[in-house]
Amino acid sequence: MSAVAMEARTPRAAVIQTRDLRKVYSAGTEAEVVALHGVNLRIEPGEFVAIMGPSGSGKSTLMNLIGCLDTPTSGTYHCDGVDIATLDAEQRADLRLEKIGFVFQGFNLLSRMSALENVAMPMGYANVAKDERLRRAQAALEAVGLSSRAHHRPSELSGGQQQRVAIARALINRPPILLADEPTGALDSRTGEEILALFKQLRDEDHTVVLITHDAEVAAHADRIYEMRDGELHAAATQPQGPHA
């Protein structure tokens, strides 16, 4: 069992919880920038939450902290019950591998690899045997409706198909959290709707989905919406209707 798995957890812990989270760049210099001001956020297991805001609002900084790609200047963050402040760099990397899947606007697929190989790649870092990696990758592609395209390279896939491959790759280690940064930004509206429907399906399968977007129409697909303004997090004035809008 990894060091992350052995961390003590609070029963029924929120999957994401921040308290007074702050991030300051170049602190104490003339170039100091306060990117986050005391952010408090609680997300329960199985929620679909959107965080929206314009460029420079702090939403990408918050995603990097939630994704354990960066560390806060002050405040606390518990990821699936684990206090990030108690982990060293190697343990944070282990936690990212176990707990968090990432989906980006640019897909970030390796062009020389097939869809199957792209999806299987993260399991190599987890020391999963090759046969098992390929079996699970094929199952993941089937789950996103792309089993018939497993041996196609990214250049042979549409934008929507590439994003489905990226989602399958993000889910391959069965993480409880899926972080999606502008995942529909490079897609046409119809294909974007299909990807958002897939996120809702994943939510219904008890994944926690956090969507970063600047687009209010995209954010409206989530269960709850937050807005980032000048590094501060606010509940949106208008929320989707119903828990599974």
C-alpha atoms as a PDB file:
ATOM      1  CA  MET A   1       0.000   0.000   0.000  1.00  0.00           C
ATOM      2  CA  SER A   2       1.363   3.455  -0.909  1.00  0.00           C
ATOM      3  CA  ALA A   3       2.082   6.224   1.568  1.00  0.00           C
ATOM      4  CA  VAL A   4      -0.938   8.094   0.235  1.00  0.00           C
ATOM      5  CA  ALA A   5      -3.281   5.148   0.814  1.00  0.00           C
ATOM      6  CA  MET A   6      -2.038   4.816   4.404  1.00  0.00           C
ATOM      7  CA  GLU A   7      -2.888   8.435   5.280  1.00  0.00           C
ATOM      8  CA  ALA A   8      -5.571   8.696   7.937  1.00  0.00           C
ATOM      9  CA  ARG A   9      -8.842  10.052   6.582  1.00  0.00           C
ATOM     10  CA  THR A  10     -11.848  11.721   8.077  1.00  0.00           C
ATOM     11  CA  PRO A  11     -14.922   9.489   7.710  1.00  0.00           C
ATOM     12  CA  ARG A  12     -17.244  10.668   4.930  1.00  0.00           C
ATOM     13  CA  ALA A  13     -14.693  13.319   3.965  1.00  0.00           C
ATOM     14  CA  ALA A  14     -15.382  15.672   1.106  1.00  0.00           C
ATOM     15  CA  VAL A  15     -13.380  14.609  -1.924  1.00  0.00           C
ATOM     16  CA  ILE A  16     -12.090  18.201  -2.285  1.00  0.00           C
ATOM     17  CA  GLN A  17     -11.926  20.657   0.599  1.00  0.00           C
ATOM     18  CA  THR A  18      -9.934  23.886   0.804  1.00  0.00           C
ATOM     19  CA  ARG A  19      -9.847  26.357   3.676  1.00  0.00           C
ATOM     20  CA  ASP A  20      -8.527  29.906   3.304  1.00  0.00           C
ATOM     21  CA  LEU A  21      -6.381  28.816   0.356  1.00  0.00           C
ATOM     22  CA  ARG A  22      -3.979  31.508  -0.844  1.00  0.00           C
ATOM     23  CA  LYS A  23      -1.397  31.557  -3.636  1.00  0.00           C
ATOM     24  CA  VAL A  24       1.118  34.378  -3.974  1.00  0.00           C
ATOM     25  CA  TYR A  25       3.726  34.540  -6.714  1.00  0.00           C
ATOM     26  CA  SER A  26       7.025  36.417  -6.229  1.00  0.00           C
ATOM     27  CA  ALA A  27       6.057  37.192  -2.631  1.00  0.00           C
ATOM     28  CA  GLY A  28       7.844  40.147  -1.074  1.00  0.00           C
ATOM     29  CA  THR A  29       9.066  41.565  -4.384  1.00  0.00           C
ATOM     30  CA  GLU A  30       7.856  44.361  -6.631  1.00  0.00           C
ATOM     31  CA  ALA A  31       6.480  41.673  -8.950  1.00  0.00           C
ATOM     32  CA  GLU A  32       4.283  40.122  -6.215  1.00  0.00           C
ATOM     33  CA  VAL A  33       0.962  38.791  -7.512  1.00  0.00           C
ATOM     34  CA  VAL A  34      -1.769  37.434  -5.222  1.00  0.00           C
ATOM     35  CA  ALA A  35      -3.450  34.849  -7.459  1.00  0.00           C
ATOM     36  CA  LEU A  36      -5.829  33.379  -4.854  1.00  0.00           C
ATOM     37  CA  HIS A  37      -7.399  35.144  -1.869  1.00  0.00           C
ATOM     38  CA  GLY A  38      -8.583  32.797   0.887  1.00  0.00           C
ATOM     39  CA  VAL A  39     -10.528  30.291  -1.236  1.00  0.00           C
ATOM     40  CA  ASN A  40     -12.963  28.012   0.626  1.00  0.00           C
ATOM     41  CA  LEU A  41     -14.345  25.150  -1.455  1.00  0.00           C
ATOM     42  CA  ARG A  42     -16.027  21.869  -0.557  1.00  0.00           C
ATOM     43  CA  ILE A  43     -16.978  19.293  -3.175  1.00  0.00           C
ATOM     44  CA  GLU A  44     -18.694  16.042  -2.251  1.00  0.00           C
ATOM     45  CA  PRO A  45     -18.045  12.662  -3.889  1.00  0.00           C
ATOM     46  CA  GLY A  46     -20.048  12.270  -7.099  1.00  0.00           C
ATOM     47  CA  GLU A  47     -20.640  15.982  -7.750  1.00  0.00           C
ATOM     48  CA  PHE A  48     -20.190  17.768 -11.070  1.00  0.00           C
ATOM     49  CA  VAL A  49     -18.923  21.284 -10.293  1.00  0.00           C
ATOM     50  CA  ALA A  50     -17.964  24.064 -12.700  1.00  0.00           C
ATOM     51  CA  ILE A  51     -15.508  26.845 -11.868  1.00  0.00           C
ATOM     52  CA  MET A  52     -15.778  29.652 -14.367  1.00  0.00           C
ATOM     53  CA  GLY A  53     -14.115  32.986 -14.910  1.00  0.00           C
ATOM     54  CA  PRO A  54     -12.118  35.006 -17.438  1.00  0.00           C
ATOM     55  CA  SER A  55      -8.401  34.665 -18.083  1.00  0.00           C
ATOM     56  CA  GLY A  56      -6.397  35.930 -15.121  1.00  0.00           C
ATOM     57  CA  SER A  57      -9.213  35.376 -12.620  1.00  0.00           C
ATOM     58  CA  GLY A  58      -7.344  32.620 -10.749  1.00  0.00           C
ATOM     59  CA  LYS A  59      -9.300  29.582 -11.918  1.00  0.00           C
ATOM     60  CA  SER A  60      -6.269  27.860 -13.484  1.00  0.00           C
ATOM     61  CA  THR A  61      -4.221  28.531 -10.348  1.00  0.00           C
ATOM     62  CA  LEU A  62      -6.977  26.915  -8.286  1.00  0.00           C
ATOM     63  CA  MET A  63      -7.074  23.918 -10.625  1.00  0.00           C
ATOM     64  CA  ASN A  64      -3.300  23.484 -10.295  1.00  0.00           C
ATOM     65  CA  LEU A  65      -3.625  23.444  -6.505  1.00  0.00           C
ATOM     66  CA  ILE A  66      -6.590  21.042  -6.531  1.00  0.00           C
ATOM     67  CA  GLY A  67      -4.665  18.833  -8.960  1.00  0.00           C
ATOM     68  CA  CYS A  68      -1.583  18.854  -6.710  1.00  0.00           C
ATOM     69  CA  LEU A  69       0.484  20.339  -9.535  1.00  0.00           C
ATOM     70  CA  ASP A  70       1.397  23.260  -7.248  1.00  0.00           C
ATOM     71  CA  THR A  71       1.354  23.989  -3.522  1.00  0.00           C
ATOM     72  CA  PRO A  72      -0.478  26.851  -1.762  1.00  0.00           C
ATOM     73  CA  THR A  73       1.284  29.734  -0.067  1.00  0.00           C
ATOM     74  CA  SER A  74      -1.051  29.312   2.914  1.00  0.00           C
ATOM     75  CA  GLY A  75      -4.298  27.625   3.857  1.00  0.00           C
ATOM     76  CA  THR A  76      -5.160  23.936   3.690  1.00  0.00           C
ATOM     77  CA  TYR A  77      -6.268  21.455   1.048  1.00  0.00           C
ATOM     78  CA  HIS A  78      -7.575  17.966   1.735  1.00  0.00           C
ATOM     79  CA  CYS A  79      -7.826  15.710  -1.324  1.00  0.00           C
ATOM     80  CA  ASP A  80     -10.058  12.684  -0.709  1.00  0.00           C
ATOM     81  CA  GLY A  81      -9.347  13.071   2.999  1.00  0.00           C
ATOM     82  CA  VAL A  82      -5.566  13.488   2.660  1.00  0.00           C
ATOM     83  CA  ASP A  83      -3.940  16.688   3.959  1.00  0.00           C
ATOM     84  CA  ILE A  84      -1.659  17.722   1.089  1.00  0.00           C
ATOM     85  CA  ALA A  85       0.630  19.614   3.474  1.00  0.00           C
ATOM     86  CA  THR A  86       1.703  16.294   5.024  1.00  0.00           C
ATOM     87  CA  LEU A  87       3.040  14.932   1.702  1.00  0.00           C
ATOM     88  CA  ASP A  88       6.441  15.382   0.105  1.00  0.00           C
ATOM     89  CA  ALA A  89       6.882  15.777  -3.669  1.00  0.00           C
ATOM     90  CA  GLU A  90       7.024  12.027  -4.326  1.00  0.00           C
ATOM     91  CA  GLN A  91       3.919  11.371  -2.239  1.00  0.00           C
ATOM     92  CA  ARG A  92       2.042  14.161  -4.048  1.00  0.00           C
ATOM     93  CA  ALA A  93       2.963  12.512  -7.353  1.00  0.00           C
ATOM     94  CA  ASP A  94       1.612   9.210  -6.015  1.00  0.00           C
ATOM     95  CA  LEU A  95      -1.600  10.950  -4.965  1.00  0.00           C
ATOM     96  CA  ARG A  96      -2.052  12.514  -8.420  1.00  0.00           C
ATOM     97  CA  LEU A  97      -1.635   9.092  -9.991  1.00  0.00           C
ATOM     98  CA  GLU A  98      -4.137   7.432  -7.655  1.00  0.00           C
ATOM     99  CA  LYS A  99      -6.707  10.149  -7.071  1.00  0.00           C
ATOM    100  CA  ILE A 100      -6.824  12.570 -10.025  1.00  0.00           C
ATOM    101  CA  GLY A 101      -7.389  12.317 -13.766  1.00  0.00           C
ATOM    102  CA  PHE A 102      -6.705  15.346 -15.992  1.00  0.00           C
ATOM    103  CA  VAL A 103      -8.433  16.346 -19.240  1.00  0.00           C
ATOM    104  CA  PHE A 104      -7.142  19.367 -21.171  1.00  0.00           C
ATOM    105  CA  GLN A 105      -8.381  21.493 -24.052  1.00  0.00           C
ATOM    106  CA  GLY A 106      -5.480  20.399 -26.272  1.00  0.00           C
ATOM    107  CA  PHE A 107      -6.022  16.620 -25.716  1.00  0.00           C
ATOM    108  CA  ASN A 108      -2.248  16.098 -25.056  1.00  0.00           C
ATOM    109  CA  LEU A 109      -2.114  12.768 -26.890  1.00  0.00           C
ATOM    110  CA  LEU A 110       1.172  11.371 -28.187  1.00  0.00           C
ATOM    111  CA  SER A 111       0.996  11.349 -31.994  1.00  0.00           C
ATOM    112  CA  ARG A 112       3.182   8.271 -32.478  1.00  0.00           C
ATOM    113  CA  MET A 113       0.960   6.111 -30.263  1.00  0.00           C
ATOM    114  CA  SER A 114      -2.401   4.524 -31.010  1.00  0.00           C
ATOM    115  CA  ALA A 115      -5.475   5.427 -28.985  1.00  0.00           C
ATOM    116  CA  LEU A 116      -5.030   2.190 -27.022  1.00  0.00           C
ATOM    117  CA  GLU A 117      -1.388   2.964 -26.233  1.00  0.00           C
ATOM    118  CA  ASN A 118      -2.203   6.544 -25.214  1.00  0.00           C
ATOM    119  CA  VAL A 119      -4.857   5.332 -22.798  1.00  0.00           C
ATOM    120  CA  ALA A 120      -2.614   2.602 -21.361  1.00  0.00           C
ATOM    121  CA  MET A 121       0.366   4.919 -20.803  1.00  0.00           C
ATOM    122  CA  PRO A 122      -0.420   6.138 -17.234  1.00  0.00           C
ATOM    123  CA  MET A 123      -0.560   2.545 -15.988  1.00  0.00           C
ATOM    124  CA  GLY A 124       3.090   2.140 -16.931  1.00  0.00           C
ATOM    125  CA  TYR A 125       3.944   4.614 -14.162  1.00  0.00           C
ATOM    126  CA  ALA A 126       1.861   2.495 -11.788  1.00  0.00           C
ATOM    127  CA  ASN A 127       3.855  -0.636 -12.716  1.00  0.00           C
ATOM    128  CA  VAL A 128       0.844  -2.474 -14.091  1.00  0.00           C
ATOM    129  CA  ALA A 129       1.733  -5.500 -16.272  1.00  0.00           C
ATOM    130  CA  LYS A 130       1.488  -4.869 -20.014  1.00  0.00           C
ATOM    131  CA  ASP A 131      -1.318  -7.372 -20.677  1.00  0.00           C
ATOM    132  CA  GLU A 132      -3.390  -5.849 -17.885  1.00  0.00           C
ATOM    133  CA  ARG A 133      -2.667  -2.319 -19.155  1.00  0.00           C
ATOM    134  CA  LEU A 134      -3.955  -3.180 -22.613  1.00  0.00           C
ATOM    135  CA  ARG A 135      -7.009  -4.999 -21.264  1.00  0.00           C
ATOM    136  CA  ARG A 136      -7.980  -2.073 -19.070  1.00  0.00           C
ATOM    137  CA  ALA A 137      -7.242   0.453 -21.829  1.00  0.00           C
ATOM    138  CA  GLN A 138      -9.533  -1.405 -24.229  1.00  0.00           C
ATOM    139  CA  ALA A 139     -12.273  -1.436 -21.583  1.00  0.00           C
ATOM    140  CA  ALA A 140     -11.799   2.303 -20.988  1.00  0.00           C
ATOM    141  CA  LEU A 141     -12.121   3.038 -24.710  1.00  0.00           C
ATOM    142  CA  GLU A 142     -15.276   0.930 -24.815  1.00  0.00           C
ATOM    143  CA  ALA A 143     -16.662   2.959 -21.899  1.00  0.00           C
ATOM    144  CA  VAL A 144     -16.285   6.193 -23.909  1.00  0.00           C
ATOM    145  CA  GLY A 145     -17.623   4.634 -27.113  1.00  0.00           C
ATOM    146  CA  LEU A 146     -14.330   4.264 -28.985  1.00  0.00           C
ATOM    147  CA  SER A 147     -13.458   0.573 -28.848  1.00  0.00           C
ATOM    148  CA  SER A 148     -13.516   0.348 -32.659  1.00  0.00           C
ATOM    149  CA  ARG A 149     -10.865   3.087 -32.952  1.00  0.00           C
ATOM    150  CA  ALA A 150      -8.379   1.586 -30.508  1.00  0.00           C
ATOM    151  CA  HIS A 151      -5.595   1.141 -33.067  1.00  0.00           C
ATOM    152  CA  HIS A 152      -5.953   4.534 -34.754  1.00  0.00           C
ATOM    153  CA  ARG A 153      -3.437   7.286 -34.090  1.00  0.00           C
ATOM    154  CA  PRO A 154      -4.607  10.767 -33.016  1.00  0.00           C
ATOM    155  CA  SER A 155      -4.199  12.140 -36.564  1.00  0.00           C
ATOM    156  CA  GLU A 156      -6.767   9.578 -37.708  1.00  0.00           C
ATOM    157  CA  LEU A 157      -9.364  10.680 -35.136  1.00  0.00           C
ATOM    158  CA  SER A 158     -11.744  13.641 -35.022  1.00  0.00           C
ATOM    159  CA  GLY A 159     -11.400  16.256 -32.283  1.00  0.00           C
ATOM    160  CA  GLY A 160     -14.262  14.728 -30.324  1.00  0.00           C
ATOM    161  CA  GLN A 161     -12.754  11.265 -30.627  1.00  0.00           C
ATOM    162  CA  GLN A 162      -9.385  12.548 -29.442  1.00  0.00           C
ATOM    163  CA  GLN A 163     -11.028  14.123 -26.403  1.00  0.00           C
ATOM    164  CA  ARG A 164     -12.777  10.827 -25.635  1.00  0.00           C
ATOM    165  CA  VAL A 165      -9.386   9.112 -25.767  1.00  0.00           C
ATOM    166  CA  ALA A 166      -8.050  11.756 -23.370  1.00  0.00           C
ATOM    167  CA  ILE A 167     -10.979  11.126 -20.993  1.00  0.00           C
ATOM    168  CA  ALA A 168     -10.392   7.358 -21.145  1.00  0.00           C
ATOM    169  CA  ARG A 169      -6.714   7.979 -20.336  1.00  0.00           C
ATOM    170  CA  ALA A 170      -7.671  10.225 -17.396  1.00  0.00           C
ATOM    171  CA  LEU A 171      -9.893   7.469 -15.988  1.00  0.00           C
ATOM    172  CA  ILE A 172      -7.577   4.518 -16.542  1.00  0.00           C
ATOM    173  CA  ASN A 173      -6.215   4.415 -12.971  1.00  0.00           C
ATOM    174  CA  ARG A 174      -9.808   4.711 -11.685  1.00  0.00           C
ATOM    175  CA  PRO A 175      -9.300   8.017  -9.862  1.00  0.00           C
ATOM    176  CA  PRO A 176     -12.186   9.448  -7.836  1.00  0.00           C
ATOM    177  CA  ILE A 177     -11.563  12.982  -9.212  1.00  0.00           C
ATOM    178  CA  LEU A 178     -11.624  14.170 -12.825  1.00  0.00           C
ATOM    179  CA  LEU A 179     -10.290  17.688 -13.496  1.00  0.00           C
ATOM    180  CA  ALA A 180     -11.235  19.063 -16.905  1.00  0.00           C
ATOM    181  CA  ASP A 181      -9.632  22.333 -18.060  1.00  0.00           C
ATOM    182  CA  GLU A 182     -11.633  23.901 -20.944  1.00  0.00           C
ATOM    183  CA  PRO A 183     -12.293  20.379 -22.329  1.00  0.00           C
ATOM    184  CA  THR A 184     -14.716  21.577 -25.014  1.00  0.00           C
ATOM    185  CA  GLY A 185     -12.741  24.654 -26.070  1.00  0.00           C
ATOM    186  CA  ALA A 186     -11.288  23.039 -29.211  1.00  0.00           C
ATOM    187  CA  LEU A 187     -14.548  21.340 -30.235  1.00  0.00           C
ATOM    188  CA  ASP A 188     -17.600  22.392 -32.225  1.00  0.00           C
ATOM    189  CA  SER A 189     -20.786  22.907 -30.226  1.00  0.00           C
ATOM    190  CA  ARG A 190     -22.384  19.542 -31.073  1.00  0.00           C
ATOM    191  CA  THR A 191     -19.258  17.585 -30.174  1.00  0.00           C
ATOM    192  CA  GLY A 192     -18.842  19.676 -27.043  1.00  0.00           C
ATOM    193  CA  GLU A 193     -22.359  18.698 -25.964  1.00  0.00           C
ATOM    194  CA  GLU A 194     -21.441  15.032 -26.419  1.00  0.00           C
ATOM    195  CA  ILE A 195     -18.376  15.429 -24.201  1.00  0.00           C
ATOM    196  CA  LEU A 196     -20.418  17.220 -21.526  1.00  0.00           C
ATOM    197  CA  ALA A 197     -22.985  14.410 -21.649  1.00  0.00           C
ATOM    198  CA  LEU A 198     -20.118  11.986 -21.050  1.00  0.00           C
ATOM    199  CA  PHE A 199     -19.069  13.973 -17.971  1.00  0.00           C
ATOM    200  CA  LYS A 200     -22.639  13.717 -16.657  1.00  0.00           C
ATOM    201  CA  GLN A 201     -22.525   9.970 -17.221  1.00  0.00           C
ATOM    202  CA  LEU A 202     -19.266   9.777 -15.266  1.00  0.00           C
ATOM    203  CA  ARG A 203     -20.852  11.845 -12.489  1.00  0.00           C
ATOM    204  CA  ASP A 204     -23.702   9.339 -12.365  1.00  0.00           C
ATOM    205  CA  GLU A 205     -21.081   6.590 -12.006  1.00  0.00           C
ATOM    206  CA  ASP A 206     -19.805   8.339  -8.835  1.00  0.00           C
ATOM    207  CA  HIS A 207     -16.816  10.171 -10.285  1.00  0.00           C
ATOM    208  CA  THR A 208     -16.334  13.709  -9.022  1.00  0.00           C
ATOM    209  CA  VAL A 209     -15.991  16.050 -11.998  1.00  0.00           C
ATOM    210  CA  VAL A 210     -14.517  19.559 -11.698  1.00  0.00           C
ATOM    211  CA  LEU A 211     -14.832  21.584 -14.895  1.00  0.00           C
ATOM    212  CA  ILE A 212     -12.778  24.746 -15.477  1.00  0.00           C
ATOM    213  CA  THR A 213     -14.309  26.998 -18.130  1.00  0.00           C
ATOM    214  CA  HIS A 214     -14.841  30.599 -19.213  1.00  0.00           C
ATOM    215  CA  ASP A 215     -18.125  29.689 -20.936  1.00  0.00           C
ATOM    216  CA  ALA A 216     -21.381  30.099 -18.974  1.00  0.00           C
ATOM    217  CA  GLU A 217     -23.264  27.746 -21.329  1.00  0.00           C
ATOM    218  CA  VAL A 218     -20.716  25.002 -20.668  1.00  0.00           C
ATOM    219  CA  ALA A 219     -20.786  25.647 -16.909  1.00  0.00           C
ATOM    220  CA  ALA A 220     -24.600  25.338 -16.907  1.00  0.00           C
ATOM    221  CA  HIS A 221     -24.254  21.572 -17.405  1.00  0.00           C
ATOM    222  CA  ALA A 222     -22.782  21.192 -13.905  1.00  0.00           C
ATOM    223  CA  ASP A 223     -24.643  20.568 -10.642  1.00  0.00           C
ATOM    224  CA  ARG A 224     -23.105  23.684  -9.056  1.00  0.00           C
ATOM    225  CA  ILE A 225     -21.277  26.681 -10.468  1.00  0.00           C
ATOM    226  CA  TYR A 226     -18.626  28.880  -8.889  1.00  0.00           C
ATOM    227  CA  GLU A 227     -17.174  32.062 -10.325  1.00  0.00           C
ATOM    228  CA  MET A 228     -13.585  33.229  -9.899  1.00  0.00           C
ATOM    229  CA  ARG A 229     -13.167  36.999  -9.797  1.00  0.00           C
ATOM    230  CA  ASP A 230      -9.800  38.583  -9.020  1.00  0.00           C
ATOM    231  CA  GLY A 231      -8.629  35.503  -7.136  1.00  0.00           C
ATOM    232  CA  GLU A 232     -11.774  35.147  -5.053  1.00  0.00           C
ATOM    233  CA  LEU A 233     -14.290  32.296  -5.355  1.00  0.00           C
ATOM    234  CA  HIS A 234     -18.026  33.048  -5.334  1.00  0.00           C
ATOM    235  CA  ALA A 235     -21.106  30.890  -5.810  1.00  0.00           C
ATOM    236  CA  ALA A 236     -22.670  31.844  -9.132  1.00  0.00           C
ATOM    237  CA  ALA A 237     -25.757  34.044  -8.971  1.00  0.00           C
ATOM    238  CA  THR A 238     -27.633  31.558 -11.196  1.00  0.00           C
ATOM    239  CA  GLN A 239     -27.313  27.841 -10.489  1.00  0.00           C
ATOM    240  CA  PRO A 240     -28.506  24.916 -12.647  1.00  0.00           C
ATOM    241  CA  GLN A 241     -31.963  23.622 -11.751  1.00  0.00           C
ATOM    242  CA  GLY A 242     -31.966  20.297  -9.926  1.00  0.00           C
ATOM    243  CA  PRO A 243     -29.108  18.110  -8.698  1.00  0.00           C
ATOM    244  CA  HIS A 244     -28.597  16.463 -12.089  1.00  0.00           C
ATOM    245  CA  ALA A 245     -29.247  19.335 -14.447  1.00  0.00           C
END
